[in-house]
């Protein structure tokens, strides 16, 4: 599968998400990001988020509803590679013109420059061709000699 321009793809969500909704993920040299669509009624206080470094769990537990493991699964599974659990952050993004209201998750890779072919390591999550992922681009294109390098400073 050809990766998105951000070096990622999309994947399925669990029963706690809107029907037919898919998450999008992307990567850079040092980070992996996930964008998970949220229902309009989902408040930040209703989100149960956990990342151990090897596993990611996002559940929705509306106030007054189910708690803990009984909360509706939105996205859960083993990550393809490890992330630094102390450097994982999430926020609810309200006004994204392209994705709408969503949960944005930022995770720092345990090993920088490691190319991920999927976010969640499971059969139903599409894998990209990592040979097509380019971390270094733009500034170096079109350089034919070291003399050209001085021109981009």
Protein backbone atom coordinates (compact mmCIF):
# COMPACT_ATOMS: atom_id res chain seq x y z
CA UNK A 1 0.00 0.00 0.00
CA UNK A 2 1.31 3.44 -0.89
CA UNK A 3 1.69 5.66 2.21
CA UNK A 4 0.01 9.04 2.58
CA UNK A 5 2.13 12.16 2.05
CA UNK A 6 2.81 12.09 5.81
CA UNK A 7 4.15 8.50 5.66
CA UNK A 8 1.08 6.77 7.10
CA UNK A 9 -2.36 5.39 6.26
CA UNK A 10 -5.76 4.76 7.83
CA UNK A 11 -7.18 1.95 9.92
CA UNK A 12 -10.41 0.59 11.38
CA UNK A 13 -11.92 1.68 14.70
CA UNK A 14 -13.80 -0.33 17.30
CA UNK A 15 -17.45 -0.25 18.41
CA UNK A 16 -16.96 2.90 20.52
CA UNK A 17 -16.43 4.99 17.37
CA UNK A 18 -18.91 6.29 14.78
CA UNK A 19 -19.99 3.61 12.33
CA UNK A 20 -17.59 3.45 9.37
CA UNK A 21 -15.11 5.92 10.90
CA UNK A 22 -11.39 5.27 10.41
CA UNK A 23 -8.34 6.66 12.16
CA UNK A 24 -5.46 8.23 10.26
CA UNK A 25 -1.84 7.89 11.29
CA UNK A 26 1.38 9.49 10.12
CA UNK A 27 5.05 9.52 11.05
CA UNK A 28 8.15 11.68 11.02
CA UNK A 29 11.75 10.80 11.84
CA UNK A 30 11.06 10.87 15.58
CA UNK A 31 7.28 10.71 16.09
CA UNK A 32 4.12 8.81 15.23
CA UNK A 33 0.77 10.62 15.20
CA UNK A 34 -2.79 9.30 15.24
CA UNK A 35 -5.97 11.22 14.46
CA UNK A 36 -9.07 9.49 15.76
CA UNK A 37 -12.53 10.88 14.83
CA UNK A 38 -14.76 11.65 17.81
CA UNK A 39 -18.55 11.69 18.10
CA UNK A 40 -19.97 15.16 18.80
CA UNK A 41 -21.10 14.09 22.27
CA UNK A 42 -17.66 12.77 23.35
CA UNK A 43 -16.06 15.07 25.91
CA UNK A 44 -12.38 14.92 26.88
CA UNK A 45 -13.38 13.73 30.37
CA UNK A 46 -15.11 10.72 28.74
CA UNK A 47 -11.96 9.50 27.00
CA UNK A 48 -9.97 6.73 28.66
CA UNK A 49 -6.47 6.84 27.19
CA UNK A 50 -3.57 4.53 27.96
CA UNK A 51 -0.23 3.97 26.26
CA UNK A 52 2.29 1.59 27.82
CA UNK A 53 4.95 2.06 25.15
CA UNK A 54 4.07 -1.23 23.47
CA UNK A 55 0.27 -0.91 23.46
CA UNK A 56 -2.27 1.86 22.79
CA UNK A 57 -5.82 1.89 24.21
CA UNK A 58 -8.45 4.55 23.56
CA UNK A 59 -11.90 3.97 25.04
CA UNK A 60 -15.02 6.05 25.40
CA UNK A 61 -16.82 6.00 28.76
CA UNK A 62 -19.54 8.65 28.92
CA UNK A 63 -20.00 10.16 32.36
CA UNK A 64 -22.49 8.05 34.27
CA UNK A 65 -21.86 5.14 31.87
CA UNK A 66 -19.42 2.23 31.81
CA UNK A 67 -15.95 2.55 33.32
CA UNK A 68 -12.57 0.84 32.90
CA UNK A 69 -12.48 -2.23 30.66
CA UNK A 70 -16.26 -2.06 30.18
CA UNK A 71 -15.85 1.27 28.34
CA UNK A 72 -16.49 1.14 24.59
CA UNK A 73 -13.29 0.43 22.65
CA UNK A 74 -12.40 3.06 20.06
CA UNK A 75 -8.86 1.91 19.22
CA UNK A 76 -6.85 -0.72 21.08
CA UNK A 77 -3.96 -2.98 20.20
CA UNK A 78 -0.25 -3.61 20.18
CA UNK A 79 1.80 -0.89 18.51
CA UNK A 80 4.07 -2.10 15.71
CA UNK A 81 7.13 -0.75 17.52
CA UNK A 82 7.72 0.83 20.92
CA UNK A 83 7.20 4.47 21.81
CA UNK A 84 8.44 6.36 24.86
CA UNK A 85 5.45 6.19 27.24
CA UNK A 86 6.52 9.32 29.13
CA UNK A 87 6.47 11.28 25.86
CA UNK A 88 2.94 10.50 24.69
CA UNK A 89 0.44 13.35 24.56
CA UNK A 90 -3.15 13.66 23.41
CA UNK A 91 -5.59 16.48 22.85
CA UNK A 92 -9.07 16.97 21.43
CA UNK A 93 -8.88 19.03 18.24
CA UNK A 94 -12.13 20.90 17.67
CA UNK A 95 -11.79 22.79 14.40
CA UNK A 96 -9.89 20.80 11.82
CA UNK A 97 -11.26 21.60 8.35
CA UNK A 98 -10.11 18.28 6.88
CA UNK A 99 -10.76 15.82 9.72
CA UNK A 100 -13.37 17.55 11.86
CA UNK A 101 -13.43 16.99 15.60
CA UNK A 102 -10.86 14.36 16.55
CA UNK A 103 -8.45 13.07 19.17
CA UNK A 104 -4.86 13.92 18.19
CA UNK A 105 -2.22 11.58 19.67
CA UNK A 106 1.50 12.40 19.52
CA UNK A 107 3.96 9.61 20.40
CA UNK A 108 7.77 9.78 20.36
CA UNK A 109 9.37 6.74 18.73
CA UNK A 110 11.68 4.71 21.00
CA UNK A 111 14.03 4.45 18.01
CA UNK A 112 14.31 7.53 15.81
CA UNK A 113 14.35 7.01 12.02
CA UNK A 114 12.57 3.66 12.35
CA UNK A 115 9.97 3.38 9.58
CA UNK A 116 6.63 1.95 10.67
CA UNK A 117 4.48 0.08 8.15
CA UNK A 118 1.38 0.26 10.36
CA UNK A 119 0.33 1.79 13.68
CA UNK A 120 -1.51 -1.14 15.26
CA UNK A 121 0.05 -4.56 14.62
CA UNK A 122 -3.07 -6.51 13.67
CA UNK A 123 -4.38 -8.25 10.54
CA UNK A 124 -7.17 -5.78 9.78
CA UNK A 125 -4.85 -2.74 9.90
CA UNK A 126 -3.37 -1.90 6.49
CA UNK A 127 0.39 -1.94 6.04
CA UNK A 128 2.24 0.55 3.90
CA UNK A 129 5.34 -0.01 1.79
CA UNK A 130 8.04 1.65 3.92
CA UNK A 131 10.37 1.85 0.90
CA UNK A 132 8.12 4.72 -0.23
CA UNK A 133 8.42 6.65 3.05
CA UNK A 134 10.81 9.60 2.73
CA UNK A 135 11.92 11.36 5.91
CA UNK A 136 14.44 13.58 4.14
CA UNK A 137 13.14 15.60 1.21
CA UNK A 138 12.52 19.09 -0.17
CA UNK A 139 15.78 20.91 0.73
CA UNK A 140 18.06 18.25 -0.76
CA UNK A 141 16.23 17.69 -4.05
CA UNK A 142 18.01 19.04 -7.10
CA UNK A 143 21.47 19.24 -5.53
CA UNK A 144 24.09 18.03 -7.96
CA UNK A 145 27.24 18.97 -6.04
CA UNK A 146 28.47 20.14 -2.65
CA UNK A 147 28.66 23.66 -4.10
CA UNK A 148 24.86 23.58 -4.48
CA UNK A 149 24.54 22.91 -0.73
CA UNK A 150 25.80 26.43 0.04
CA UNK A 151 22.91 27.88 -1.96
CA UNK A 152 20.25 26.55 0.46
CA UNK A 153 21.75 28.20 3.57
